[in-house]
Protein backbone atom coordinates (compact mmCIF):
# COMPACT_ATOMS: atom_id res chain seq x y z
CA MET A 1 22.46 -23.14 -3.27
CA LYS A 2 19.41 -24.91 -2.37
CA LEU A 3 16.04 -24.20 -3.99
CA ILE A 4 14.10 -23.24 -0.54
CA PRO A 5 17.11 -20.18 0.49
CA LEU A 6 17.12 -18.91 -2.98
CA ILE A 7 13.56 -18.65 -3.69
CA TRP A 8 13.65 -15.78 0.04
CA LEU A 9 16.38 -14.40 -1.60
CA ILE A 10 14.54 -13.64 -4.59
CA PHE A 11 11.50 -12.89 -2.66
CA SER A 12 14.46 -10.32 -0.74
CA ILE A 13 15.42 -8.76 -3.13
CA PHE A 14 11.73 -7.69 -5.41
CA PHE A 15 10.76 -6.66 -1.54
CA GLY A 16 13.24 -4.28 -1.03
CA TYR A 17 12.87 -2.95 -4.64
CA LEU A 18 8.96 -2.28 -4.08
CA SER A 19 10.00 -0.44 -0.54
CA TRP A 20 12.83 1.82 -2.62
CA TYR A 21 9.65 2.36 -4.78
CA HIS A 22 8.03 3.40 -2.56
CA LEU A 23 10.23 5.55 -0.42
CA LYS A 24 10.71 7.38 -3.69
CA GLN A 25 7.04 7.91 -4.14
CA THR A 26 6.49 10.04 -1.32
CA ASN A 27 8.90 12.61 -2.16
CA ILE A 28 6.17 13.14 -4.94
CA SER A 29 3.75 16.00 -4.68
CA PHE A 30 1.27 17.67 -7.18
CA PRO A 31 1.89 22.31 -6.62
CA MET A 32 -0.61 24.86 -5.74
CA PHE A 33 -3.10 26.18 -8.36
CA HIS A 34 -2.37 29.47 -8.59
CA TRP A 35 -3.58 32.15 -10.81
CA LYS A 36 -2.77 35.06 -12.68
CA LYS A 37 -4.49 38.30 -12.88
CA TYR A 38 -4.67 39.56 -16.20
CA GLU A 39 -4.38 43.69 -16.82
CA GLY A 40 -4.11 44.94 -19.80
CA SER A 41 -6.42 45.43 -23.18
CA LEU A 42 -7.75 41.90 -22.82
CA ALA A 43 -8.51 42.85 -18.90
CA VAL A 44 -11.74 43.03 -17.86
CA SER A 45 -12.88 46.03 -15.83
CA PRO A 46 -12.35 45.16 -12.30
CA THR A 47 -14.68 47.10 -10.58
CA GLY A 48 -17.91 45.89 -11.93
CA PRO A 49 -20.02 43.58 -10.06
CA ASN A 50 -19.27 40.66 -12.04
CA THR A 51 -15.38 40.70 -12.61
CA ILE A 52 -15.68 41.28 -8.47
CA GLU A 53 -17.61 38.15 -8.17
CA THR A 54 -15.41 36.24 -10.34
CA LYS A 55 -12.96 37.26 -8.33
CA ASN A 56 -14.06 36.75 -5.24
CA ASN A 57 -15.18 32.49 -6.47
CA LEU A 58 -11.96 32.14 -8.15
CA GLU A 59 -10.62 33.45 -4.96
CA ARG A 60 -12.28 30.78 -2.72
CA PHE A 61 -11.75 28.18 -5.91
CA THR A 62 -8.47 28.36 -5.67
CA LYS A 63 -8.65 27.87 -1.31
CA GLN A 64 -10.43 25.01 -1.60
CA TRP A 65 -8.81 23.46 -4.97
CA ASN A 66 -5.07 23.70 -2.95
CA LEU A 67 -7.06 22.48 0.47
CA TYR A 68 -7.61 19.16 -1.44
CA ILE A 69 -4.46 19.16 -3.23
CA SER A 70 -2.25 18.95 -0.21
CA ASN A 71 -4.64 16.70 1.79
CA GLN A 72 -3.92 14.69 -1.13
CA ASN A 73 -0.54 14.96 -0.88
CA LYS A 74 -0.44 14.29 2.84
CA ASN A 75 -2.71 10.67 2.28
CA ASN A 76 0.12 9.87 -0.94
CA HIS A 77 2.43 10.72 0.75
CA ASP A 78 1.34 8.51 4.17
CA MET A 79 0.39 6.06 1.95
CA ASN A 80 3.86 5.02 0.31
CA MET A 81 5.20 5.95 3.46
CA VAL A 82 3.04 3.01 5.03
CA ALA A 83 3.95 0.54 2.02
CA PHE A 84 7.25 1.52 2.51
CA ILE A 85 8.16 0.56 5.97
CA GLY A 86 5.83 -2.63 4.73
CA TYR A 87 8.08 -3.92 1.89
CA ALA A 88 10.85 -3.53 3.90
CA LEU A 89 10.14 -5.53 6.86
CA SER A 90 8.80 -8.00 4.15
CA SER A 91 12.35 -7.86 2.47
CA LEU A 92 14.25 -7.99 6.09
CA ILE A 93 12.02 -10.86 6.68
CA ALA A 94 12.60 -12.61 3.79
CA LEU A 95 16.23 -12.10 3.64
CA ILE A 96 16.84 -13.60 7.13
CA SER A 97 14.47 -17.18 6.10
CA ALA A 98 16.84 -16.72 3.25
CA PHE A 99 19.98 -17.73 5.52
CA LEU A 100 18.09 -19.60 8.71
CA PRO A 101 18.16 -23.89 9.17
CA GLY A 102 15.76 -25.30 8.50
CA PRO A 103 14.06 -27.93 5.61
CA PHE A 104 15.30 -27.03 2.26
CA LYS A 105 14.28 -30.11 0.83
CA ILE A 106 10.21 -29.98 -0.71
CA LYS A 107 9.73 -33.48 1.00
CA ASP A 108 11.69 -32.79 4.07
CA SER A 109 9.10 -29.80 4.71
CA VAL A 110 5.96 -31.47 3.37
CA THR A 111 6.79 -34.26 6.07
CA PHE A 112 7.25 -31.01 8.42
CA LEU A 113 3.92 -29.63 8.20
CA TYR A 114 2.33 -32.95 8.35
CA GLN A 115 3.52 -34.21 11.71
CA ASN A 116 2.74 -30.36 12.99
CA LEU A 117 -0.65 -30.75 11.46
CA ARG A 118 -0.51 -34.35 13.13
CA LEU A 119 0.20 -32.81 16.81
CA SER A 120 -2.66 -29.62 16.17
CA ASN A 121 -5.82 -29.15 16.37
CA LEU A 122 -6.63 -28.30 13.07
CA ARG A 123 -7.73 -31.93 12.38
CA ARG A 124 -10.76 -31.38 14.94
CA VAL A 125 -11.72 -28.43 14.11
CA VAL A 126 -11.93 -28.98 10.08
CA ALA A 127 -14.19 -32.69 11.23
CA ASP A 128 -16.42 -29.86 13.71
CA LEU A 129 -16.68 -27.91 11.03
CA ARG A 130 -18.01 -31.02 8.84
CA LYS A 131 -20.28 -32.63 11.53
CA LYS A 132 -21.59 -28.46 11.71
CA ILE A 133 -22.30 -28.09 7.95
CA LYS A 134 -24.06 -31.69 7.79
CA PHE A 135 -26.07 -31.04 10.48
CA GLN A 136 -27.12 -27.27 8.62
CA ILE A 137 -27.76 -29.37 5.42
CA LYS A 138 -29.81 -32.10 6.56
CA GLN A 139 -32.06 -29.48 8.11
């Protein structure tokens, strides 16, 4: 096997592993928070004003915290799903590139790139940028 297809095959395997990892991460989430009510000798009087206020604060905190956790779980799932799709596509493209015919020798690749650069307008764009930079420096 030649060098360039081997490099593309290595990239394909690497991106495939990363896509599998992120797919696995989409199923991981944090559990919701539940607080336990204690009863017995250690419990505080359930009818006292401080106890009712504390209970209301804990219930409000629990609702807000669980809302935060559910938002984080959703964001984590979405982020990992986007990463999975991106890495899966990259892996597929790298795998296809490994088997496409093309200039496989480094010398052929450089010649191919040089000929396309020469034919394109990129040289003219670079020359125009150089002129603009020199003009701005003189002012």
